[in-house]
PDB file of N, CA and C in Angstrom:
ATOM      1  N   MET A   1       9.829 -49.217 -23.031  1.00  0.00           N
ATOM      2  CA  MET A   1       9.626 -47.836 -22.953  1.00  0.00           C
ATOM      3  C   MET A   1       8.118 -47.686 -23.355  1.00  0.00           C
ATOM      4  N   LEU A   2       7.389 -47.002 -22.581  1.00  0.00           N
ATOM      5  CA  LEU A   2       6.045 -46.701 -22.873  1.00  0.00           C
ATOM      6  C   LEU A   2       5.945 -45.489 -23.507  1.00  0.00           C
ATOM      7  N   LEU A   3       5.075 -45.246 -24.498  1.00  0.00           N
ATOM      8  CA  LEU A   3       4.765 -43.910 -25.165  1.00  0.00           C
ATOM      9  C   LEU A   3       3.448 -43.550 -24.591  1.00  0.00           C
ATOM     10  N   LYS A   4       3.389 -42.218 -24.301  1.00  0.00           N
ATOM     11  CA  LYS A   4       2.164 -41.653 -23.809  1.00  0.00           C
ATOM     12  C   LYS A   4       1.416 -41.095 -25.214  1.00  0.00           C
ATOM     13  N   LYS A   5      -0.007 -41.380 -25.140  1.00  0.00           N
ATOM     14  CA  LYS A   5      -0.780 -40.910 -26.409  1.00  0.00           C
ATOM     15  C   LYS A   5      -1.112 -39.406 -26.056  1.00  0.00           C
ATOM     16  N   LYS A   6      -0.847 -38.694 -27.303  1.00  0.00           N
ATOM     17  CA  LYS A   6      -1.061 -37.201 -27.137  1.00  0.00           C
ATOM     18  C   LYS A   6      -2.714 -37.102 -27.235  1.00  0.00           C
ATOM     19  N   HIS A   7      -3.239 -36.111 -26.531  1.00  0.00           N
ATOM     20  CA  HIS A   7      -4.639 -35.866 -26.444  1.00  0.00           C
ATOM     21  C   HIS A   7      -5.047 -34.867 -27.609  1.00  0.00           C
ATOM     22  N   LYS A   8      -5.854 -35.179 -28.389  1.00  0.00           N
ATOM     23  CA  LYS A   8      -6.260 -34.373 -29.500  1.00  0.00           C
ATOM     24  C   LYS A   8      -7.526 -33.800 -29.070  1.00  0.00           C
ATOM     25  N   LYS A   9      -7.536 -32.270 -29.273  1.00  0.00           N
ATOM     26  CA  LYS A   9      -8.694 -31.691 -28.882  1.00  0.00           C
ATOM     27  C   LYS A   9      -9.894 -31.651 -30.120  1.00  0.00           C
ATOM     28  N   THR A  10     -11.088 -31.608 -29.860  1.00  0.00           N
ATOM     29  CA  THR A  10     -12.014 -31.462 -30.833  1.00  0.00           C
ATOM     30  C   THR A  10     -12.338 -30.065 -31.062  1.00  0.00           C
ATOM     31  N   VAL A  11     -12.813 -29.656 -32.007  1.00  0.00           N
ATOM     32  CA  VAL A  11     -13.395 -28.266 -32.272  1.00  0.00           C
ATOM     33  C   VAL A  11     -13.970 -27.670 -31.259  1.00  0.00           C
ATOM     34  N   THR A  12     -15.041 -28.427 -30.661  1.00  0.00           N
ATOM     35  CA  THR A  12     -15.772 -27.779 -29.563  1.00  0.00           C
ATOM     36  C   THR A  12     -14.903 -27.571 -28.259  1.00  0.00           C
ATOM     37  N   GLN A  13     -13.985 -28.473 -28.021  1.00  0.00           N
ATOM     38  CA  GLN A  13     -13.090 -28.123 -26.782  1.00  0.00           C
ATOM     39  C   GLN A  13     -12.186 -26.987 -26.988  1.00  0.00           C
ATOM     40  N   VAL A  14     -11.725 -26.621 -28.246  1.00  0.00           N
ATOM     41  CA  VAL A  14     -10.837 -25.563 -28.499  1.00  0.00           C
ATOM     42  C   VAL A  14     -11.832 -24.244 -28.518  1.00  0.00           C
ATOM     43  N   ASN A  15     -12.936 -24.284 -29.001  1.00  0.00           N
ATOM     44  CA  ASN A  15     -13.864 -23.123 -28.739  1.00  0.00           C
ATOM     45  C   ASN A  15     -14.234 -22.775 -27.393  1.00  0.00           C
ATOM     46  N   ARG A  16     -14.343 -23.882 -26.484  1.00  0.00           N
ATOM     47  CA  ARG A  16     -14.576 -23.678 -25.059  1.00  0.00           C
ATOM     48  C   ARG A  16     -13.309 -22.988 -24.428  1.00  0.00           C
ATOM     49  N   ASP A  17     -12.109 -23.435 -24.857  1.00  0.00           N
ATOM     50  CA  ASP A  17     -10.961 -22.910 -24.195  1.00  0.00           C
ATOM     51  C   ASP A  17     -10.808 -21.451 -24.422  1.00  0.00           C
ATOM     52  N   LYS A  18     -11.299 -20.911 -25.655  1.00  0.00           N
ATOM     53  CA  LYS A  18     -11.076 -19.586 -26.197  1.00  0.00           C
ATOM     54  C   LYS A  18     -12.113 -18.572 -25.765  1.00  0.00           C
ATOM     55  N   SER A  19     -13.206 -19.113 -25.174  1.00  0.00           N
ATOM     56  CA  SER A  19     -14.450 -18.273 -24.901  1.00  0.00           C
ATOM     57  C   SER A  19     -14.035 -17.141 -24.106  1.00  0.00           C
ATOM     58  N   PRO A  20     -14.750 -16.004 -24.389  1.00  0.00           N
ATOM     59  CA  PRO A  20     -14.401 -14.850 -23.534  1.00  0.00           C
ATOM     60  C   PRO A  20     -14.875 -14.863 -22.041  1.00  0.00           C
ATOM     61  N   PRO A  21     -14.118 -14.461 -21.170  1.00  0.00           N
ATOM     62  CA  PRO A  21     -14.529 -14.577 -19.791  1.00  0.00           C
ATOM     63  C   PRO A  21     -15.963 -13.809 -19.479  1.00  0.00           C
ATOM     64  N   SER A  22     -16.595 -14.465 -18.537  1.00  0.00           N
ATOM     65  CA  SER A  22     -17.837 -13.812 -18.070  1.00  0.00           C
ATOM     66  C   SER A  22     -17.681 -12.526 -17.420  1.00  0.00           C
ATOM     67  N   VAL A  23     -18.929 -11.828 -17.250  1.00  0.00           N
ATOM     68  CA  VAL A  23     -18.928 -10.557 -16.434  1.00  0.00           C
ATOM     69  C   VAL A  23     -18.524 -10.809 -14.905  1.00  0.00           C
ATOM     70  N   TRP A  24     -19.057 -11.943 -14.477  1.00  0.00           N
ATOM     71  CA  TRP A  24     -18.685 -12.258 -13.054  1.00  0.00           C
ATOM     72  C   TRP A  24     -17.112 -12.577 -12.986  1.00  0.00           C
ATOM     73  N   GLY A  25     -16.534 -13.193 -13.941  1.00  0.00           N
ATOM     74  CA  GLY A  25     -15.170 -13.557 -13.894  1.00  0.00           C
ATOM     75  C   GLY A  25     -14.457 -12.160 -13.895  1.00  0.00           C
ATOM     76  N   ASP A  26     -14.794 -11.223 -14.775  1.00  0.00           N
ATOM     77  CA  ASP A  26     -14.181  -9.824 -14.824  1.00  0.00           C
ATOM     78  C   ASP A  26     -14.241  -9.060 -13.432  1.00  0.00           C
ATOM     79  N   ILE A  27     -15.580  -9.081 -12.958  1.00  0.00           N
ATOM     80  CA  ILE A  27     -15.768  -8.446 -11.651  1.00  0.00           C
ATOM     81  C   ILE A  27     -14.962  -9.099 -10.588  1.00  0.00           C
ATOM     82  N   LEU A  28     -14.830 -10.294 -10.451  1.00  0.00           N
ATOM     83  CA  LEU A  28     -14.020 -11.045  -9.534  1.00  0.00           C
ATOM     84  C   LEU A  28     -12.572 -10.728  -9.651  1.00  0.00           C
ATOM     85  N   TYR A  29     -12.074 -10.774 -10.977  1.00  0.00           N
ATOM     86  CA  TYR A  29     -10.741 -10.467 -11.249  1.00  0.00           C
ATOM     87  C   TYR A  29     -10.355  -8.924 -10.620  1.00  0.00           C
ATOM     88  N   LEU A  30     -11.274  -8.013 -11.044  1.00  0.00           N
ATOM     89  CA  LEU A  30     -11.167  -6.592 -10.580  1.00  0.00           C
ATOM     90  C   LEU A  30     -11.062  -6.516  -9.019  1.00  0.00           C
ATOM     91  N   VAL A  31     -11.993  -7.088  -8.419  1.00  0.00           N
ATOM     92  CA  VAL A  31     -12.124  -7.057  -7.001  1.00  0.00           C
ATOM     93  C   VAL A  31     -10.875  -7.728  -6.394  1.00  0.00           C
ATOM     94  N   SER A  32     -10.259  -8.837  -6.768  1.00  0.00           N
ATOM     95  CA  SER A  32      -9.120  -9.378  -6.220  1.00  0.00           C
ATOM     96  C   SER A  32      -7.885  -8.410  -6.534  1.00  0.00           C
ATOM     97  N   LYS A  33      -7.854  -7.685  -7.664  1.00  0.00           N
ATOM     98  CA  LYS A  33      -6.625  -6.863  -7.772  1.00  0.00           C
ATOM     99  C   LYS A  33      -6.958  -5.572  -7.038  1.00  0.00           C
ATOM    100  N   LEU A  34      -8.116  -5.090  -6.683  1.00  0.00           N
ATOM    101  CA  LEU A  34      -8.301  -3.929  -5.739  1.00  0.00           C
ATOM    102  C   LEU A  34      -7.937  -4.345  -4.279  1.00  0.00           C
ATOM    103  N   LEU A  35      -8.243  -5.607  -3.916  1.00  0.00           N
ATOM    104  CA  LEU A  35      -8.033  -6.016  -2.623  1.00  0.00           C
ATOM    105  C   LEU A  35      -6.329  -6.197  -2.427  1.00  0.00           C
ATOM    106  N   MET A  36      -5.698  -6.661  -3.516  1.00  0.00           N
ATOM    107  CA  MET A  36      -4.175  -6.652  -3.406  1.00  0.00           C
ATOM    108  C   MET A  36      -3.575  -5.275  -3.223  1.00  0.00           C
ATOM    109  N   VAL A  37      -4.134  -4.364  -3.980  1.00  0.00           N
ATOM    110  CA  VAL A  37      -3.678  -2.950  -4.017  1.00  0.00           C
ATOM    111  C   VAL A  37      -3.854  -2.470  -2.659  1.00  0.00           C
ATOM    112  N   GLY A  38      -4.944  -2.550  -2.009  1.00  0.00           N
ATOM    113  CA  GLY A  38      -5.409  -2.093  -0.722  1.00  0.00           C
ATOM    114  C   GLY A  38      -4.535  -2.811   0.345  1.00  0.00           C
ATOM    115  N   PHE A  39      -4.198  -4.051   0.262  1.00  0.00           N
ATOM    116  CA  PHE A  39      -3.244  -4.652   1.210  1.00  0.00           C
ATOM    117  C   PHE A  39      -2.028  -4.126   1.142  1.00  0.00           C
ATOM    118  N   VAL A  40      -1.442  -3.927  -0.160  1.00  0.00           N
ATOM    119  CA  VAL A  40      -0.157  -3.291  -0.152  1.00  0.00           C
ATOM    120  C   VAL A  40      -0.144  -1.898   0.368  1.00  0.00           C
ATOM    121  N   LEU A  41      -1.011  -1.114   0.111  1.00  0.00           N
ATOM    122  CA  LEU A  41      -1.185   0.252   0.617  1.00  0.00           C
ATOM    123  C   LEU A  41      -1.351   0.228   2.303  1.00  0.00           C
ATOM    124  N   ALA A  42      -2.039  -0.590   2.652  1.00  0.00           N
ATOM    125  CA  ALA A  42      -2.235  -0.633   4.155  1.00  0.00           C
ATOM    126  C   ALA A  42      -0.951  -1.176   4.853  1.00  0.00           C
ATOM    127  N   THR A  43      -0.141  -2.087   4.264  1.00  0.00           N
ATOM    128  CA  THR A  43       1.053  -2.546   4.826  1.00  0.00           C
ATOM    129  C   THR A  43       1.921  -1.425   4.812  1.00  0.00           C
ATOM    130  N   LEU A  44       2.011  -0.788   3.653  1.00  0.00           N
ATOM    131  CA  LEU A  44       2.947   0.541   3.610  1.00  0.00           C
ATOM    132  C   LEU A  44       2.534   1.623   4.670  1.00  0.00           C
ATOM    133  N   TYR A  45       1.227   1.863   4.864  1.00  0.00           N
ATOM    134  CA  TYR A  45       0.799   2.925   5.757  1.00  0.00           C
ATOM    135  C   TYR A  45       1.138   2.467   7.290  1.00  0.00           C
ATOM    136  N   PHE A  46       0.873   1.230   7.700  1.00  0.00           N
ATOM    137  CA  PHE A  46       1.062   0.726   8.976  1.00  0.00           C
ATOM    138  C   PHE A  46       2.533   0.432   9.412  1.00  0.00           C
ATOM    139  N   PHE A  47       3.403   0.188   8.532  1.00  0.00           N
ATOM    140  CA  PHE A  47       4.689  -0.420   8.793  1.00  0.00           C
ATOM    141  C   PHE A  47       5.728   0.512   8.308  1.00  0.00           C
ATOM    142  N   VAL A  48       5.561   1.276   7.203  1.00  0.00           N
ATOM    143  CA  VAL A  48       6.659   2.028   6.588  1.00  0.00           C
ATOM    144  C   VAL A  48       6.439   3.619   6.732  1.00  0.00           C
ATOM    145  N   PHE A  49       5.233   4.011   6.360  1.00  0.00           N
ATOM    146  CA  PHE A  49       4.886   5.529   6.337  1.00  0.00           C
ATOM    147  C   PHE A  49       3.889   5.681   7.236  1.00  0.00           C
ATOM    148  N   GLY A  50       3.763   6.947   7.684  1.00  0.00           N
ATOM    149  CA  GLY A  50       2.666   7.424   8.499  1.00  0.00           C
ATOM    150  C   GLY A  50       2.008   8.878   8.217  1.00  0.00           C
ATOM    151  N   LEU A  51       0.917   8.973   8.505  1.00  0.00           N
ATOM    152  CA  LEU A  51       0.188  10.417   8.329  1.00  0.00           C
ATOM    153  C   LEU A  51      -0.189  10.998   9.546  1.00  0.00           C
ATOM    154  N   LEU A  52       0.023  12.366   9.680  1.00  0.00           N
ATOM    155  CA  LEU A  52      -0.217  12.992  10.915  1.00  0.00           C
ATOM    156  C   LEU A  52      -0.824  14.382  10.543  1.00  0.00           C
ATOM    157  N   ARG A  53      -1.931  14.820  11.054  1.00  0.00           N
ATOM    158  CA  ARG A  53      -2.426  16.203  10.816  1.00  0.00           C
ATOM    159  C   ARG A  53      -1.926  16.894  12.016  1.00  0.00           C
ATOM    160  N   TYR A  54      -1.078  17.972  11.733  1.00  0.00           N
ATOM    161  CA  TYR A  54      -0.407  18.765  12.669  1.00  0.00           C
ATOM    162  C   TYR A  54      -1.265  19.951  13.132  1.00  0.00           C
ATOM    163  N   ASN A  55      -1.597  19.995  14.387  1.00  0.00           N
ATOM    164  CA  ASN A  55      -2.501  20.872  14.957  1.00  0.00           C
ATOM    165  C   ASN A  55      -1.831  21.877  16.090  1.00  0.00           C
ATOM    166  N   ASP A  56      -0.877  22.480  15.759  1.00  0.00           N
ATOM    167  CA  ASP A  56      -0.132  23.339  16.673  1.00  0.00           C
ATOM    168  C   ASP A  56       0.604  24.476  16.042  1.00  0.00           C
ATOM    169  N   ASP A  57       0.973  25.574  16.582  1.00  0.00           N
ATOM    170  CA  ASP A  57       1.788  26.562  15.960  1.00  0.00           C
ATOM    171  C   ASP A  57       3.197  26.539  16.471  1.00  0.00           C
ATOM    172  N   GLY A  58       3.782  25.607  17.223  1.00  0.00           N
ATOM    173  CA  GLY A  58       5.131  25.452  17.688  1.00  0.00           C
ATOM    174  C   GLY A  58       6.179  25.410  16.568  1.00  0.00           C
ATOM    175  N   MET A  59       5.884  24.910  15.428  1.00  0.00           N
ATOM    176  CA  MET A  59       6.791  24.692  14.417  1.00  0.00           C
ATOM    177  C   MET A  59       6.834  25.605  13.220  1.00  0.00           C
ATOM    178  N   LYS A  60       6.282  26.861  13.575  1.00  0.00           N
ATOM    179  CA  LYS A  60       6.269  27.858  12.489  1.00  0.00           C
ATOM    180  C   LYS A  60       7.649  28.338  12.045  1.00  0.00           C
ATOM    181  N   PRO A  61       7.928  28.644  10.911  1.00  0.00           N
ATOM    182  CA  PRO A  61       7.246  28.474   9.612  1.00  0.00           C
ATOM    183  C   PRO A  61       7.256  27.178   8.923  1.00  0.00           C
ATOM    184  N   ALA A  62       8.053  26.113   9.445  1.00  0.00           N
ATOM    185  CA  ALA A  62       8.160  24.926   8.718  1.00  0.00           C
ATOM    186  C   ALA A  62       6.824  24.226   8.584  1.00  0.00           C
ATOM    187  N   LEU A  63       6.010  24.174   9.843  1.00  0.00           N
ATOM    188  CA  LEU A  63       4.829  23.567   9.757  1.00  0.00           C
ATOM    189  C   LEU A  63       3.756  24.523  10.304  1.00  0.00           C
ATOM    190  N   LYS A  64       2.593  24.583   9.594  1.00  0.00           N
ATOM    191  CA  LYS A  64       1.389  25.543  10.103  1.00  0.00           C
ATOM    192  C   LYS A  64       0.397  24.577  10.752  1.00  0.00           C
ATOM    193  N   ASP A  65      -0.494  25.212  11.568  1.00  0.00           N
ATOM    194  CA  ASP A  65      -1.578  24.533  12.002  1.00  0.00           C
ATOM    195  C   ASP A  65      -2.385  23.950  10.909  1.00  0.00           C
ATOM    196  N   GLY A  66      -2.664  22.669  10.886  1.00  0.00           N
ATOM    197  CA  GLY A  66      -3.490  21.998  10.063  1.00  0.00           C
ATOM    198  C   GLY A  66      -2.843  21.309   8.847  1.00  0.00           C
ATOM    199  N   ASP A  67      -1.500  21.512   8.838  1.00  0.00           N
ATOM    200  CA  ASP A  67      -0.641  20.866   7.918  1.00  0.00           C
ATOM    201  C   ASP A  67      -0.662  19.425   7.955  1.00  0.00           C
ATOM    202  N   LEU A  68      -0.497  18.569   6.919  1.00  0.00           N
ATOM    203  CA  LEU A  68      -0.439  17.121   6.887  1.00  0.00           C
ATOM    204  C   LEU A  68       0.886  16.753   6.715  1.00  0.00           C
ATOM    205  N   VAL A  69       1.529  15.796   7.747  1.00  0.00           N
ATOM    206  CA  VAL A  69       2.857  15.378   7.738  1.00  0.00           C
ATOM    207  C   VAL A  69       2.844  13.999   7.386  1.00  0.00           C
ATOM    208  N   VAL A  70       3.605  13.648   6.287  1.00  0.00           N
ATOM    209  CA  VAL A  70       3.958  12.303   6.012  1.00  0.00           C
ATOM    210  C   VAL A  70       5.297  11.944   6.433  1.00  0.00           C
ATOM    211  N   TYR A  71       5.495  10.856   7.198  1.00  0.00           N
ATOM    212  CA  TYR A  71       6.797  10.529   7.861  1.00  0.00           C
ATOM    213  C   TYR A  71       7.079   9.142   7.528  1.00  0.00           C
ATOM    214  N   TYR A  72       8.265   8.832   7.559  1.00  0.00           N
ATOM    215  CA  TYR A  72       9.000   7.453   7.408  1.00  0.00           C
ATOM    216  C   TYR A  72       9.295   6.828   8.643  1.00  0.00           C
ATOM    217  N   ARG A  73       8.815   5.675   9.042  1.00  0.00           N
ATOM    218  CA  ARG A  73       8.955   4.989  10.173  1.00  0.00           C
ATOM    219  C   ARG A  73      10.282   4.373  10.477  1.00  0.00           C
ATOM    220  N   LEU A  74      10.854   3.962   9.439  1.00  0.00           N
ATOM    221  CA  LEU A  74      12.022   2.965   9.622  1.00  0.00           C
ATOM    222  C   LEU A  74      13.464   3.657   9.765  1.00  0.00           C
ATOM    223  N   ASP A  75      13.478   4.995   9.496  1.00  0.00           N
ATOM    224  CA  ASP A  75      14.643   5.728   9.736  1.00  0.00           C
ATOM    225  C   ASP A  75      15.097   5.957  11.184  1.00  0.00           C
ATOM    226  N   LYS A  76      16.261   5.447  11.591  1.00  0.00           N
ATOM    227  CA  LYS A  76      16.640   5.716  12.822  1.00  0.00           C
ATOM    228  C   LYS A  76      18.057   6.518  12.964  1.00  0.00           C
ATOM    229  N   ARG A  77      18.385   7.018  11.863  1.00  0.00           N
ATOM    230  CA  ARG A  77      19.571   8.025  11.955  1.00  0.00           C
ATOM    231  C   ARG A  77      19.034   9.471  11.802  1.00  0.00           C
ATOM    232  N   TYR A  78      19.326  10.238  12.849  1.00  0.00           N
ATOM    233  CA  TYR A  78      18.788  11.567  12.915  1.00  0.00           C
ATOM    234  C   TYR A  78      19.837  12.533  12.812  1.00  0.00           C
ATOM    235  N   SER A  79      19.608  13.699  12.148  1.00  0.00           N
ATOM    236  CA  SER A  79      20.645  14.706  11.964  1.00  0.00           C
ATOM    237  C   SER A  79      20.090  16.039  12.646  1.00  0.00           C
ATOM    238  N   ILE A  80      20.933  16.955  12.939  1.00  0.00           N
ATOM    239  CA  ILE A  80      20.431  18.237  13.465  1.00  0.00           C
ATOM    240  C   ILE A  80      19.697  18.813  12.450  1.00  0.00           C
ATOM    241  N   GLY A  81      18.421  19.376  12.917  1.00  0.00           N
ATOM    242  CA  GLY A  81      17.600  20.033  12.007  1.00  0.00           C
ATOM    243  C   GLY A  81      16.318  19.276  11.487  1.00  0.00           C
ATOM    244  N   ASP A  82      16.499  17.928  11.726  1.00  0.00           N
ATOM    245  CA  ASP A  82      15.443  17.049  11.198  1.00  0.00           C
ATOM    246  C   ASP A  82      14.262  17.151  12.029  1.00  0.00           C
ATOM    247  N   LEU A  83      12.986  16.951  11.531  1.00  0.00           N
ATOM    248  CA  LEU A  83      11.911  16.976  12.126  1.00  0.00           C
ATOM    249  C   LEU A  83      11.622  15.548  12.586  1.00  0.00           C
ATOM    250  N   LEU A  84      10.970  15.345  13.792  1.00  0.00           N
ATOM    251  CA  LEU A  84      10.778  13.942  14.354  1.00  0.00           C
ATOM    252  C   LEU A  84       9.486  13.793  14.759  1.00  0.00           C
ATOM    253  N   VAL A  85       8.762  12.641  14.442  1.00  0.00           N
ATOM    254  CA  VAL A  85       7.375  12.430  15.056  1.00  0.00           C
ATOM    255  C   VAL A  85       7.584  11.394  15.997  1.00  0.00           C
ATOM    256  N   TYR A  86       7.028  11.572  17.248  1.00  0.00           N
ATOM    257  CA  TYR A  86       7.309  10.706  18.331  1.00  0.00           C
ATOM    258  C   TYR A  86       5.893  10.721  19.128  1.00  0.00           C
ATOM    259  N   SER A  87       5.661   9.467  19.803  1.00  0.00           N
ATOM    260  CA  SER A  87       4.494   9.487  20.537  1.00  0.00           C
ATOM    261  C   SER A  87       4.842   9.752  22.217  1.00  0.00           C
ATOM    262  N   TYR A  88       3.959  10.753  22.807  1.00  0.00           N
ATOM    263  CA  TYR A  88       4.174  11.072  24.124  1.00  0.00           C
ATOM    264  C   TYR A  88       2.849  11.031  24.799  1.00  0.00           C
ATOM    265  N   LYS A  89       2.746  10.111  25.785  1.00  0.00           N
ATOM    266  CA  LYS A  89       1.347  10.047  26.398  1.00  0.00           C
ATOM    267  C   LYS A  89       0.227   9.865  25.637  1.00  0.00           C
ATOM    268  N   GLY A  90       0.409   8.947  24.546  1.00  0.00           N
ATOM    269  CA  GLY A  90      -0.533   8.422  23.698  1.00  0.00           C
ATOM    270  C   GLY A  90      -1.001   9.398  22.555  1.00  0.00           C
ATOM    271  N   LYS A  91      -0.122  10.536  22.576  1.00  0.00           N
ATOM    272  CA  LYS A  91      -0.343  11.466  21.368  1.00  0.00           C
ATOM    273  C   LYS A  91       0.952  11.643  20.628  1.00  0.00           C
ATOM    274  N   GLU A  92       0.707  11.776  19.277  1.00  0.00           N
ATOM    275  CA  GLU A  92       1.879  11.884  18.368  1.00  0.00           C
ATOM    276  C   GLU A  92       2.242  13.286  18.351  1.00  0.00           C
ATOM    277  N   ARG A  93       3.555  13.577  18.410  1.00  0.00           N
ATOM    278  CA  ARG A  93       3.901  14.927  18.410  1.00  0.00           C
ATOM    279  C   ARG A  93       5.120  15.177  17.379  1.00  0.00           C
ATOM    280  N   VAL A  94       5.380  16.431  17.015  1.00  0.00           N
ATOM    281  CA  VAL A  94       6.484  16.714  16.101  1.00  0.00           C
ATOM    282  C   VAL A  94       7.515  17.650  16.756  1.00  0.00           C
ATOM    283  N   ALA A  95       8.689  17.351  16.642  1.00  0.00           N
ATOM    284  CA  ALA A  95       9.704  18.092  17.221  1.00  0.00           C
ATOM    285  C   ALA A  95      10.934  18.110  16.337  1.00  0.00           C
ATOM    286  N   ARG A  96      11.799  19.185  16.460  1.00  0.00           N
ATOM    287  CA  ARG A  96      12.981  19.322  15.552  1.00  0.00           C
ATOM    288  C   ARG A  96      14.178  18.815  16.555  1.00  0.00           C
ATOM    289  N   VAL A  97      15.176  18.031  15.983  1.00  0.00           N
ATOM    290  CA  VAL A  97      16.288  17.527  16.596  1.00  0.00           C
ATOM    291  C   VAL A  97      17.365  18.739  16.545  1.00  0.00           C
ATOM    292  N   ILE A  98      17.769  18.990  17.870  1.00  0.00           N
ATOM    293  CA  ILE A  98      18.763  20.074  18.019  1.00  0.00           C
ATOM    294  C   ILE A  98      19.977  19.533  18.534  1.00  0.00           C
TER     295      ILE A  98
END
């Protein structure tokens, strides 16, 4: 049976291991975290939720001209009275299920 030698660190190696991160390391860390958060938000926006600026008076008093509508893309069960966002001739529209 062979025994492996344990590596002993010198004082200078220990000090190098515990040195504070550089400014560029901090900036790179921050940018990587911001990119990850941006990727998650973009994925949620394009696949799970959507935003629509409503520019019509047909849904008063529930929606007024200029209201911002946030909708959930994955729900396929509709009930009477629900608001529905759909695409017709390349334009997104809002209607109520009757």
